Amino acid sequence: MLARYARLELIEVRENQSVDGRIPERAFVCLLASGGREFDSMEFSRFLEERRQSGRDLCFVIGGPRGLDLESCDMRLSLGKMTLPHQLARVVLLEQIYRANKILAREPYHY
């Protein structure tokens, strides 16, 4: 359903592999982290639109069970104060990206 609004590529990296080599060059890197910035749905939709207007790819990075610390990320994003397993965080993030795109398209889902 999201493909209608955005090009999406999911890349899974094993814990013993480096994430750095898998991040697209020139991408705006957003690391999911508990202490990161929080958005409501409207704010997140505006954030996605700003990223789209910038012309840079947007790369979300979700750590594994032990977390992940990237030295070179553009922003840290929090899905909330509760800790989520990384597989569930991926589903929640994808749903929020879908919701944000529906908001930007002014289509019913959020309203």
PDB file of N, CA and C in Angstrom:
ATOM      1  N   MET A   1       0.820  -1.194   0.000  1.00  0.00           N
ATOM      2  CA  MET A   1       0.000   0.000   0.000  1.00  0.00           C
ATOM      3  C   MET A   1       0.872   1.269   0.000  1.00  0.00           C
ATOM      4  N   LEU A   2       2.022   1.191   0.609  1.00  0.00           N
ATOM      5  CA  LEU A   2       2.908   2.350   0.689  1.00  0.00           C
ATOM      6  C   LEU A   2       3.571   2.666  -0.651  1.00  0.00           C
ATOM      7  N   ALA A   3       3.725   1.674  -1.505  1.00  0.00           N
ATOM      8  CA  ALA A   3       4.388   1.865  -2.799  1.00  0.00           C
ATOM      9  C   ALA A   3       3.674   2.904  -3.661  1.00  0.00           C
ATOM     10  N   ARG A   4       2.422   3.118  -3.412  1.00  0.00           N
ATOM     11  CA  ARG A   4       1.658   4.126  -4.156  1.00  0.00           C
ATOM     12  C   ARG A   4       2.176   5.540  -3.876  1.00  0.00           C
ATOM     13  N   TYR A   5       2.776   5.741  -2.713  1.00  0.00           N
ATOM     14  CA  TYR A   5       3.200   7.065  -2.272  1.00  0.00           C
ATOM     15  C   TYR A   5       4.709   7.284  -2.284  1.00  0.00           C
ATOM     16  N   ALA A   6       5.461   6.228  -2.079  1.00  0.00           N
ATOM     17  CA  ALA A   6       6.911   6.400  -1.925  1.00  0.00           C
ATOM     18  C   ALA A   6       7.640   5.145  -2.380  1.00  0.00           C
ATOM     19  N   ARG A   7       8.860   5.355  -2.825  1.00  0.00           N
ATOM     20  CA  ARG A   7       9.732   4.224  -3.146  1.00  0.00           C
ATOM     21  C   ARG A   7      10.344   3.764  -1.829  1.00  0.00           C
ATOM     22  N   LEU A   8      10.289   2.493  -1.580  1.00  0.00           N
ATOM     23  CA  LEU A   8      10.736   1.964  -0.301  1.00  0.00           C
ATOM     24  C   LEU A   8      11.627   0.750  -0.527  1.00  0.00           C
ATOM     25  N   GLU A   9      12.716   0.712   0.192  1.00  0.00           N
ATOM     26  CA  GLU A   9      13.607  -0.445   0.144  1.00  0.00           C
ATOM     27  C   GLU A   9      13.925  -0.836   1.580  1.00  0.00           C
ATOM     28  N   LEU A  10      13.612  -2.068   1.928  1.00  0.00           N
ATOM     29  CA  LEU A  10      13.926  -2.582   3.260  1.00  0.00           C
ATOM     30  C   LEU A  10      15.202  -3.403   3.166  1.00  0.00           C
ATOM     31  N   ILE A  11      16.164  -3.064   3.985  1.00  0.00           N
ATOM     32  CA  ILE A  11      17.432  -3.801   4.023  1.00  0.00           C
ATOM     33  C   ILE A  11      17.636  -4.271   5.451  1.00  0.00           C
ATOM     34  N   GLU A  12      17.815  -5.562   5.608  1.00  0.00           N
ATOM     35  CA  GLU A  12      18.064  -6.114   6.919  1.00  0.00           C
ATOM     36  C   GLU A  12      19.533  -6.493   7.011  1.00  0.00           C
ATOM     37  N   VAL A  13      20.163  -6.103   8.100  1.00  0.00           N
ATOM     38  CA  VAL A  13      21.577  -6.375   8.307  1.00  0.00           C
ATOM     39  C   VAL A  13      21.703  -7.230   9.558  1.00  0.00           C
ATOM     40  N   ARG A  14      22.476  -8.287   9.467  1.00  0.00           N
ATOM     41  CA  ARG A  14      22.700  -9.142  10.636  1.00  0.00           C
ATOM     42  C   ARG A  14      23.525  -8.378  11.672  1.00  0.00           C
ATOM     43  N   GLU A  15      23.402  -8.808  12.921  1.00  0.00           N
ATOM     44  CA  GLU A  15      24.089  -8.108  14.008  1.00  0.00           C
ATOM     45  C   GLU A  15      25.597  -8.058  13.829  1.00  0.00           C
ATOM     46  N   ASN A  16      26.173  -9.049  13.168  1.00  0.00           N
ATOM     47  CA  ASN A  16      27.628  -9.076  13.005  1.00  0.00           C
ATOM     48  C   ASN A  16      28.091  -8.311  11.763  1.00  0.00           C
ATOM     49  N   GLN A  17      27.169  -7.662  11.047  1.00  0.00           N
ATOM     50  CA  GLN A  17      27.517  -6.883   9.870  1.00  0.00           C
ATOM     51  C   GLN A  17      27.490  -5.392  10.192  1.00  0.00           C
ATOM     52  N   SER A  18      28.242  -4.625   9.432  1.00  0.00           N
ATOM     53  CA  SER A  18      28.283  -3.177   9.612  1.00  0.00           C
ATOM     54  C   SER A  18      27.093  -2.523   8.904  1.00  0.00           C
ATOM     55  N   VAL A  19      26.475  -1.590   9.570  1.00  0.00           N
ATOM     56  CA  VAL A  19      25.356  -0.847   8.992  1.00  0.00           C
ATOM     57  C   VAL A  19      25.877   0.246   8.064  1.00  0.00           C
ATOM     58  N   ASP A  20      27.005   0.841   8.425  1.00  0.00           N
ATOM     59  CA  ASP A  20      27.533   1.985   7.682  1.00  0.00           C
ATOM     60  C   ASP A  20      27.646   1.735   6.183  1.00  0.00           C
ATOM     61  N   GLY A  21      28.099   0.600   5.762  1.00  0.00           N
ATOM     62  CA  GLY A  21      28.253   0.316   4.338  1.00  0.00           C
ATOM     63  C   GLY A  21      26.943   0.135   3.599  1.00  0.00           C
ATOM     64  N   ARG A  22      25.843   0.019   4.312  1.00  0.00           N
ATOM     65  CA  ARG A  22      24.539  -0.207   3.698  1.00  0.00           C
ATOM     66  C   ARG A  22      23.705   1.061   3.575  1.00  0.00           C
ATOM     67  N   ILE A  23      24.166   2.151   4.150  1.00  0.00           N
ATOM     68  CA  ILE A  23      23.428   3.412   4.107  1.00  0.00           C
ATOM     69  C   ILE A  23      23.737   4.117   2.793  1.00  0.00           C
ATOM     70  N   PRO A  24      22.705   4.496   2.043  1.00  0.00           N
ATOM     71  CA  PRO A  24      22.934   5.171   0.758  1.00  0.00           C
ATOM     72  C   PRO A  24      23.732   6.467   0.924  1.00  0.00           C
ATOM     73  N   GLU A  25      24.605   6.710  -0.021  1.00  0.00           N
ATOM     74  CA  GLU A  25      25.403   7.931  -0.011  1.00  0.00           C
ATOM     75  C   GLU A  25      24.470   9.139  -0.135  1.00  0.00           C
ATOM     76  N   ARG A  26      24.782  10.193   0.568  1.00  0.00           N
ATOM     77  CA  ARG A  26      24.014  11.443   0.567  1.00  0.00           C
ATOM     78  C   ARG A  26      22.630  11.326   1.221  1.00  0.00           C
ATOM     79  N   ALA A  27      22.318  10.212   1.820  1.00  0.00           N
ATOM     80  CA  ALA A  27      20.996  10.050   2.447  1.00  0.00           C
ATOM     81  C   ALA A  27      20.916  10.830   3.755  1.00  0.00           C
ATOM     82  N   PHE A  28      19.720  11.293   4.066  1.00  0.00           N
ATOM     83  CA  PHE A  28      19.436  11.856   5.382  1.00  0.00           C
ATOM     84  C   PHE A  28      19.184  10.654   6.282  1.00  0.00           C
ATOM     85  N   VAL A  29      20.046  10.453   7.279  1.00  0.00           N
ATOM     86  CA  VAL A  29      19.987   9.257   8.116  1.00  0.00           C
ATOM     87  C   VAL A  29      19.272   9.576   9.423  1.00  0.00           C
ATOM     88  N   CYS A  30      18.235   8.804   9.672  1.00  0.00           N
ATOM     89  CA  CYS A  30      17.400   8.979  10.851  1.00  0.00           C
ATOM     90  C   CYS A  30      17.480   7.690  11.675  1.00  0.00           C
ATOM     91  N   LEU A  31      18.143   7.755  12.814  1.00  0.00           N
ATOM     92  CA  LEU A  31      18.309   6.597  13.688  1.00  0.00           C
ATOM     93  C   LEU A  31      17.181   6.560  14.701  1.00  0.00           C
ATOM     94  N   LEU A  32      16.488   5.440  14.784  1.00  0.00           N
ATOM     95  CA  LEU A  32      15.462   5.289  15.804  1.00  0.00           C
ATOM     96  C   LEU A  32      16.156   5.051  17.135  1.00  0.00           C
ATOM     97  N   ALA A  33      15.841   5.909  18.110  1.00  0.00           N
ATOM     98  CA  ALA A  33      16.494   5.848  19.412  1.00  0.00           C
ATOM     99  C   ALA A  33      15.529   6.349  20.476  1.00  0.00           C
ATOM    100  N   SER A  34      15.602   5.760  21.655  1.00  0.00           N
ATOM    101  CA  SER A  34      14.659   6.117  22.718  1.00  0.00           C
ATOM    102  C   SER A  34      14.744   7.583  23.104  1.00  0.00           C
ATOM    103  N   GLY A  35      15.897   8.187  23.007  1.00  0.00           N
ATOM    104  CA  GLY A  35      16.043   9.584  23.391  1.00  0.00           C
ATOM    105  C   GLY A  35      15.881  10.551  22.233  1.00  0.00           C
ATOM    106  N   GLY A  36      15.361  10.067  21.115  1.00  0.00           N
ATOM    107  CA  GLY A  36      15.245  10.900  19.926  1.00  0.00           C
ATOM    108  C   GLY A  36      14.049  11.828  19.953  1.00  0.00           C
ATOM    109  N   ARG A  37      13.910  12.574  18.894  1.00  0.00           N
ATOM    110  CA  ARG A  37      12.812  13.526  18.738  1.00  0.00           C
ATOM    111  C   ARG A  37      11.495  12.778  18.518  1.00  0.00           C
ATOM    112  N   GLU A  38      10.441  13.253  19.135  1.00  0.00           N
ATOM    113  CA  GLU A  38       9.121  12.657  18.973  1.00  0.00           C
ATOM    114  C   GLU A  38       8.248  13.583  18.133  1.00  0.00           C
ATOM    115  N   PHE A  39       7.415  12.991  17.287  1.00  0.00           N
ATOM    116  CA  PHE A  39       6.485  13.735  16.444  1.00  0.00           C
ATOM    117  C   PHE A  39       5.083  13.206  16.671  1.00  0.00           C
ATOM    118  N   ASP A  40       4.075  14.057  16.480  1.00  0.00           N
ATOM    119  CA  ASP A  40       2.729  13.517  16.309  1.00  0.00           C
ATOM    120  C   ASP A  40       2.571  13.250  14.806  1.00  0.00           C
ATOM    121  N   SER A  41       1.450  12.713  14.392  1.00  0.00           N
ATOM    122  CA  SER A  41       1.279  12.305  12.998  1.00  0.00           C
ATOM    123  C   SER A  41       1.376  13.477  12.018  1.00  0.00           C
ATOM    124  N   MET A  42       0.806  14.610  12.375  1.00  0.00           N
ATOM    125  CA  MET A  42       0.865  15.777  11.495  1.00  0.00           C
ATOM    126  C   MET A  42       2.298  16.299  11.372  1.00  0.00           C
ATOM    127  N   GLU A  43       3.004  16.367  12.483  1.00  0.00           N
ATOM    128  CA  GLU A  43       4.401  16.823  12.456  1.00  0.00           C
ATOM    129  C   GLU A  43       5.264  15.870  11.634  1.00  0.00           C
ATOM    130  N   PHE A  44       5.021  14.583  11.783  1.00  0.00           N
ATOM    131  CA  PHE A  44       5.806  13.598  11.031  1.00  0.00           C
ATOM    132  C   PHE A  44       5.532  13.728   9.538  1.00  0.00           C
ATOM    133  N   SER A  45       4.289  14.001   9.162  1.00  0.00           N
ATOM    134  CA  SER A  45       3.989  14.178   7.739  1.00  0.00           C
ATOM    135  C   SER A  45       4.720  15.402   7.190  1.00  0.00           C
ATOM    136  N   ARG A  46       4.781  16.480   7.965  1.00  0.00           N
ATOM    137  CA  ARG A  46       5.519  17.673   7.527  1.00  0.00           C
ATOM    138  C   ARG A  46       7.016  17.376   7.421  1.00  0.00           C
ATOM    139  N   PHE A  47       7.542  16.599   8.371  1.00  0.00           N
ATOM    140  CA  PHE A  47       8.951  16.200   8.334  1.00  0.00           C
ATOM    141  C   PHE A  47       9.245  15.416   7.053  1.00  0.00           C
ATOM    142  N   LEU A  48       8.384  14.452   6.719  1.00  0.00           N
ATOM    143  CA  LEU A  48       8.587  13.667   5.490  1.00  0.00           C
ATOM    144  C   LEU A  48       8.538  14.557   4.251  1.00  0.00           C
ATOM    145  N   GLU A  49       7.621  15.506   4.226  1.00  0.00           N
ATOM    146  CA  GLU A  49       7.519  16.406   3.080  1.00  0.00           C
ATOM    147  C   GLU A  49       8.769  17.286   2.959  1.00  0.00           C
ATOM    148  N   GLU A  50       9.284  17.758   4.067  1.00  0.00           N
ATOM    149  CA  GLU A  50      10.534  18.536   4.039  1.00  0.00           C
ATOM    150  C   GLU A  50      11.687  17.698   3.495  1.00  0.00           C
ATOM    151  N   ARG A  51      11.756  16.456   3.905  1.00  0.00           N
ATOM    152  CA  ARG A  51      12.812  15.565   3.417  1.00  0.00           C
ATOM    153  C   ARG A  51      12.644  15.343   1.910  1.00  0.00           C
ATOM    154  N   ARG A  52      11.405  15.135   1.474  1.00  0.00           N
ATOM    155  CA  ARG A  52      11.125  14.930   0.049  1.00  0.00           C
ATOM    156  C   ARG A  52      11.547  16.150  -0.764  1.00  0.00           C
ATOM    157  N   GLN A  53      11.224  17.327  -0.255  1.00  0.00           N
ATOM    158  CA  GLN A  53      11.573  18.571  -0.949  1.00  0.00           C
ATOM    159  C   GLN A  53      13.083  18.794  -1.009  1.00  0.00           C
ATOM    160  N   SER A  54      13.814  18.233  -0.058  1.00  0.00           N
ATOM    161  CA  SER A  54      15.268  18.416  -0.028  1.00  0.00           C
ATOM    162  C   SER A  54      15.963  17.657  -1.156  1.00  0.00           C
ATOM    163  N   GLY A  55      15.285  16.638  -1.695  1.00  0.00           N
ATOM    164  CA  GLY A  55      15.867  15.866  -2.791  1.00  0.00           C
ATOM    165  C   GLY A  55      16.815  14.768  -2.335  1.00  0.00           C
ATOM    166  N   ARG A  56      17.015  14.617  -1.034  1.00  0.00           N
ATOM    167  CA  ARG A  56      17.881  13.557  -0.515  1.00  0.00           C
ATOM    168  C   ARG A  56      17.050  12.336  -0.159  1.00  0.00           C
ATOM    169  N   ASP A  57      17.634  11.152  -0.324  1.00  0.00           N
ATOM    170  CA  ASP A  57      16.975   9.945   0.154  1.00  0.00           C
ATOM    171  C   ASP A  57      16.870  10.029   1.669  1.00  0.00           C
ATOM    172  N   LEU A  58      15.862   9.372   2.205  1.00  0.00           N
ATOM    173  CA  LEU A  58      15.662   9.308   3.644  1.00  0.00           C
ATOM    174  C   LEU A  58      15.897   7.874   4.075  1.00  0.00           C
ATOM    175  N   CYS A  59      16.790   7.684   5.007  1.00  0.00           N
ATOM    176  CA  CYS A  59      17.158   6.340   5.459  1.00  0.00           C
ATOM    177  C   CYS A  59      16.885   6.229   6.956  1.00  0.00           C
ATOM    178  N   PHE A  60      15.936   5.364   7.319  1.00  0.00           N
ATOM    179  CA  PHE A  60      15.659   5.091   8.726  1.00  0.00           C
ATOM    180  C   PHE A  60      16.476   3.874   9.136  1.00  0.00           C
ATOM    181  N   VAL A  61      17.110   3.950  10.290  1.00  0.00           N
ATOM    182  CA  VAL A  61      17.919   2.842  10.796  1.00  0.00           C
ATOM    183  C   VAL A  61      17.347   2.418  12.138  1.00  0.00           C
ATOM    184  N   ILE A  62      17.024   1.125  12.232  1.00  0.00           N
ATOM    185  CA  ILE A  62      16.501   0.552  13.468  1.00  0.00           C
ATOM    186  C   ILE A  62      17.520  -0.452  13.976  1.00  0.00           C
ATOM    187  N   GLY A  63      17.952  -0.288  15.199  1.00  0.00           N
ATOM    188  CA  GLY A  63      18.925  -1.208  15.786  1.00  0.00           C
ATOM    189  C   GLY A  63      18.295  -2.527  16.168  1.00  0.00           C
ATOM    190  N   GLY A  64      19.127  -3.464  16.487  1.00  0.00           N
ATOM    191  CA  GLY A  64      18.678  -4.790  16.913  1.00  0.00           C
ATOM    192  C   GLY A  64      18.376  -4.813  18.401  1.00  0.00           C
ATOM    193  N   PRO A  65      18.319  -6.012  18.966  1.00  0.00           N
ATOM    194  CA  PRO A  65      17.954  -6.162  20.380  1.00  0.00           C
ATOM    195  C   PRO A  65      18.899  -5.425  21.336  1.00  0.00           C
ATOM    196  N   ARG A  66      20.141  -5.236  20.933  1.00  0.00           N
ATOM    197  CA  ARG A  66      21.107  -4.538  21.787  1.00  0.00           C
ATOM    198  C   ARG A  66      21.220  -3.054  21.442  1.00  0.00           C
ATOM    199  N   GLY A  67      20.358  -2.587  20.553  1.00  0.00           N
ATOM    200  CA  GLY A  67      20.402  -1.194  20.146  1.00  0.00           C
ATOM    201  C   GLY A  67      21.494  -0.960  19.105  1.00  0.00           C
ATOM    202  N   LEU A  68      21.710   0.289  18.785  1.00  0.00           N
ATOM    203  CA  LEU A  68      22.695   0.645  17.770  1.00  0.00           C
ATOM    204  C   LEU A  68      23.054   2.107  17.973  1.00  0.00           C
ATOM    205  N   ASP A  69      24.334   2.411  17.887  1.00  0.00           N
ATOM    206  CA  ASP A  69      24.755   3.802  17.987  1.00  0.00           C
ATOM    207  C   ASP A  69      25.520   4.156  16.726  1.00  0.00           C
ATOM    208  N   LEU A  70      24.926   4.984  15.907  1.00  0.00           N
ATOM    209  CA  LEU A  70      25.588   5.461  14.691  1.00  0.00           C
ATOM    210  C   LEU A  70      26.238   6.794  14.995  1.00  0.00           C
ATOM    211  N   GLU A  71      27.492   6.914  14.671  1.00  0.00           N
ATOM    212  CA  GLU A  71      28.177   8.184  14.906  1.00  0.00           C
ATOM    213  C   GLU A  71      27.677   9.252  13.943  1.00  0.00           C
ATOM    214  N   SER A  72      27.389   8.852  12.724  1.00  0.00           N
ATOM    215  CA  SER A  72      27.024   9.849  11.708  1.00  0.00           C
ATOM    216  C   SER A  72      25.565   9.697  11.282  1.00  0.00           C
ATOM    217  N   CYS A  73      24.670  10.224  12.108  1.00  0.00           N
ATOM    218  CA  CYS A  73      23.272  10.267  11.701  1.00  0.00           C
ATOM    219  C   CYS A  73      22.827  11.724  11.754  1.00  0.00           C
ATOM    220  N   ASP A  74      21.858  12.065  10.930  1.00  0.00           N
ATOM    221  CA  ASP A  74      21.375  13.438  10.862  1.00  0.00           C
ATOM    222  C   ASP A  74      20.357  13.755  11.943  1.00  0.00           C
ATOM    223  N   MET A  75      19.659  12.720  12.397  1.00  0.00           N
ATOM    224  CA  MET A  75      18.621  12.930  13.394  1.00  0.00           C
ATOM    225  C   MET A  75      18.348  11.635  14.136  1.00  0.00           C
ATOM    226  N   ARG A  76      17.941  11.751  15.365  1.00  0.00           N
ATOM    227  CA  ARG A  76      17.474  10.597  16.148  1.00  0.00           C
ATOM    228  C   ARG A  76      15.970  10.766  16.334  1.00  0.00           C
ATOM    229  N   LEU A  77      15.239   9.691  16.073  1.00  0.00           N
ATOM    230  CA  LEU A  77      13.780   9.691  16.134  1.00  0.00           C
ATOM    231  C   LEU A  77      13.309   8.676  17.157  1.00  0.00           C
ATOM    232  N   SER A  78      12.359   9.073  17.974  1.00  0.00           N
ATOM    233  CA  SER A  78      11.772   8.158  18.947  1.00  0.00           C
ATOM    234  C   SER A  78      10.323   7.885  18.566  1.00  0.00           C
ATOM    235  N   LEU A  79       9.924   6.632  18.659  1.00  0.00           N
ATOM    236  CA  LEU A  79       8.524   6.261  18.429  1.00  0.00           C
ATOM    237  C   LEU A  79       7.719   6.362  19.720  1.00  0.00           C
ATOM    238  N   GLY A  80       8.363   6.765  20.787  1.00  0.00           N
ATOM    239  CA  GLY A  80       7.709   6.905  22.080  1.00  0.00           C
ATOM    240  C   GLY A  80       8.625   6.419  23.177  1.00  0.00           C
ATOM    241  N   LYS A  81       8.202   6.581  24.397  1.00  0.00           N
ATOM    242  CA  LYS A  81       9.045   6.241  25.535  1.00  0.00           C
ATOM    243  C   LYS A  81       9.107   4.751  25.811  1.00  0.00           C
ATOM    244  N   MET A  82       8.128   4.000  25.311  1.00  0.00           N
ATOM    245  CA  MET A  82       8.140   2.555  25.540  1.00  0.00           C
ATOM    246  C   MET A  82       9.169   1.883  24.635  1.00  0.00           C
ATOM    247  N   THR A  83       9.805   0.855  25.148  1.00  0.00           N
ATOM    248  CA  THR A  83      10.764   0.097  24.352  1.00  0.00           C
ATOM    249  C   THR A  83      10.009  -0.913  23.501  1.00  0.00           C
ATOM    250  N   LEU A  84      10.333  -0.966  22.207  1.00  0.00           N
ATOM    251  CA  LEU A  84       9.702  -1.909  21.287  1.00  0.00           C
ATOM    252  C   LEU A  84      10.754  -2.862  20.728  1.00  0.00           C
ATOM    253  N   PRO A  85      10.406  -4.131  20.527  1.00  0.00           N
ATOM    254  CA  PRO A  85      11.324  -5.012  19.811  1.00  0.00           C
ATOM    255  C   PRO A  85      11.559  -4.445  18.410  1.00  0.00           C
ATOM    256  N   HIS A  86      12.752  -4.631  17.872  1.00  0.00           N
ATOM    257  CA  HIS A  86      13.077  -3.996  16.592  1.00  0.00           C
ATOM    258  C   HIS A  86      12.134  -4.414  15.470  1.00  0.00           C
ATOM    259  N   GLN A  87      11.624  -5.652  15.478  1.00  0.00           N
ATOM    260  CA  GLN A  87      10.688  -6.076  14.437  1.00  0.00           C
ATOM    261  C   GLN A  87       9.375  -5.288  14.531  1.00  0.00           C
ATOM    262  N   LEU A  88       8.913  -5.042  15.744  1.00  0.00           N
ATOM    263  CA  LEU A  88       7.686  -4.275  15.943  1.00  0.00           C
ATOM    264  C   LEU A  88       7.916  -2.798  15.623  1.00  0.00           C
ATOM    265  N   ALA A  89       9.082  -2.290  15.968  1.00  0.00           N
ATOM    266  CA  ALA A  89       9.408  -0.894  15.645  1.00  0.00           C
ATOM    267  C   ALA A  89       9.347  -0.681  14.136  1.00  0.00           C
ATOM    268  N   ARG A  90       9.790  -1.667  13.365  1.00  0.00           N
ATOM    269  CA  ARG A  90       9.737  -1.554  11.903  1.00  0.00           C
ATOM    270  C   ARG A  90       8.289  -1.442  11.424  1.00  0.00           C
ATOM    271  N   VAL A  91       7.406  -2.248  11.966  1.00  0.00           N
ATOM    272  CA  VAL A  91       5.990  -2.216  11.579  1.00  0.00           C
ATOM    273  C   VAL A  91       5.371  -0.873  11.967  1.00  0.00           C
ATOM    274  N   VAL A  92       5.655  -0.391  13.165  1.00  0.00           N
ATOM    275  CA  VAL A  92       5.112   0.887  13.624  1.00  0.00           C
ATOM    276  C   VAL A  92       5.633   2.015  12.740  1.00  0.00           C
ATOM    277  N   LEU A  93       6.923   2.005  12.421  1.00  0.00           N
ATOM    278  CA  LEU A  93       7.492   3.045  11.558  1.00  0.00           C
ATOM    279  C   LEU A  93       6.849   3.020  10.175  1.00  0.00           C
ATOM    280  N   LEU A  94       6.699   1.846   9.586  1.00  0.00           N
ATOM    281  CA  LEU A  94       6.067   1.750   8.263  1.00  0.00           C
ATOM    282  C   LEU A  94       4.632   2.257   8.289  1.00  0.00           C
ATOM    283  N   GLU A  95       3.914   1.947   9.357  1.00  0.00           N
ATOM    284  CA  GLU A  95       2.535   2.427   9.472  1.00  0.00           C
ATOM    285  C   GLU A  95       2.514   3.948   9.573  1.00  0.00           C
ATOM    286  N   GLN A  96       3.449   4.516  10.305  1.00  0.00           N
ATOM    287  CA  GLN A  96       3.501   5.966  10.444  1.00  0.00           C
ATOM    288  C   GLN A  96       3.895   6.648   9.135  1.00  0.00           C
ATOM    289  N   ILE A  97       4.772   6.025   8.371  1.00  0.00           N
ATOM    290  CA  ILE A  97       5.128   6.569   7.055  1.00  0.00           C
ATOM    291  C   ILE A  97       3.906   6.527   6.141  1.00  0.00           C
ATOM    292  N   TYR A  98       3.167   5.431   6.181  1.00  0.00           N
ATOM    293  CA  TYR A  98       1.939   5.317   5.386  1.00  0.00           C
ATOM    294  C   TYR A  98       0.937   6.381   5.804  1.00  0.00           C
ATOM    295  N   ARG A  99       0.721   6.522   7.103  1.00  0.00           N
ATOM    296  CA  ARG A  99      -0.228   7.519   7.624  1.00  0.00           C
ATOM    297  C   ARG A  99       0.193   8.922   7.189  1.00  0.00           C
ATOM    298  N   ALA A 100       1.471   9.233   7.289  1.00  0.00           N
ATOM    299  CA  ALA A 100       1.969  10.560   6.905  1.00  0.00           C
ATOM    300  C   ALA A 100       1.719  10.832   5.431  1.00  0.00           C
ATOM    301  N   ASN A 101       1.917   9.832   4.593  1.00  0.00           N
ATOM    302  CA  ASN A 101       1.669  10.007   3.164  1.00  0.00           C
ATOM    303  C   ASN A 101       0.184  10.188   2.872  1.00  0.00           C
ATOM    304  N   LYS A 102      -0.674   9.512   3.597  1.00  0.00           N
ATOM    305  CA  LYS A 102      -2.117   9.714   3.450  1.00  0.00           C
ATOM    306  C   LYS A 102      -2.500  11.139   3.867  1.00  0.00           C
ATOM    307  N   ILE A 103      -1.886  11.644   4.925  1.00  0.00           N
ATOM    308  CA  ILE A 103      -2.149  13.014   5.368  1.00  0.00           C
ATOM    309  C   ILE A 103      -1.717  13.990   4.278  1.00  0.00           C
ATOM    310  N   LEU A 104      -0.515  13.786   3.727  1.00  0.00           N
ATOM    311  CA  LEU A 104      -0.008  14.685   2.694  1.00  0.00           C
ATOM    312  C   LEU A 104      -0.872  14.656   1.433  1.00  0.00           C
ATOM    313  N   ALA A 105      -1.445  13.491   1.130  1.00  0.00           N
ATOM    314  CA  ALA A 105      -2.315  13.357  -0.037  1.00  0.00           C
ATOM    315  C   ALA A 105      -3.740  13.808   0.265  1.00  0.00           C
ATOM    316  N   ARG A 106      -3.996  14.212   1.496  1.00  0.00           N
ATOM    317  CA  ARG A 106      -5.319  14.636   1.946  1.00  0.00           C
ATOM    318  C   ARG A 106      -6.377  13.554   1.718  1.00  0.00           C
ATOM    319  N   GLU A 107      -5.968  12.330   1.971  1.00  0.00           N
ATOM    320  CA  GLU A 107      -6.870  11.190   1.825  1.00  0.00           C
ATOM    321  C   GLU A 107      -7.335  10.732   3.201  1.00  0.00           C
ATOM    322  N   PRO A 108      -8.525  10.151   3.276  1.00  0.00           N
ATOM    323  CA  PRO A 108      -9.015   9.694   4.585  1.00  0.00           C
ATOM    324  C   PRO A 108      -8.175   8.549   5.119  1.00  0.00           C
ATOM    325  N   TYR A 109      -7.828   8.636   6.340  1.00  0.00           N
ATOM    326  CA  TYR A 109      -7.170   7.596   7.115  1.00  0.00           C
ATOM    327  C   TYR A 109      -6.929   8.185   8.492  1.00  0.00           C
ATOM    328  N   HIS A 110      -6.370   9.364   8.485  1.00  0.00           N
ATOM    329  CA  HIS A 110      -6.047  10.012   9.738  1.00  0.00           C
ATOM    330  C   HIS A 110      -7.189  10.895  10.219  1.00  0.00           C
ATOM    331  N   TYR A 111      -7.900  11.492   9.293  1.00  0.00           N
ATOM    332  CA  TYR A 111      -8.925  12.474   9.641  1.00  0.00           C
ATOM    333  C   TYR A 111     -10.196  11.830  10.100  1.00  0.00           C
TER     334      TYR A 111
END
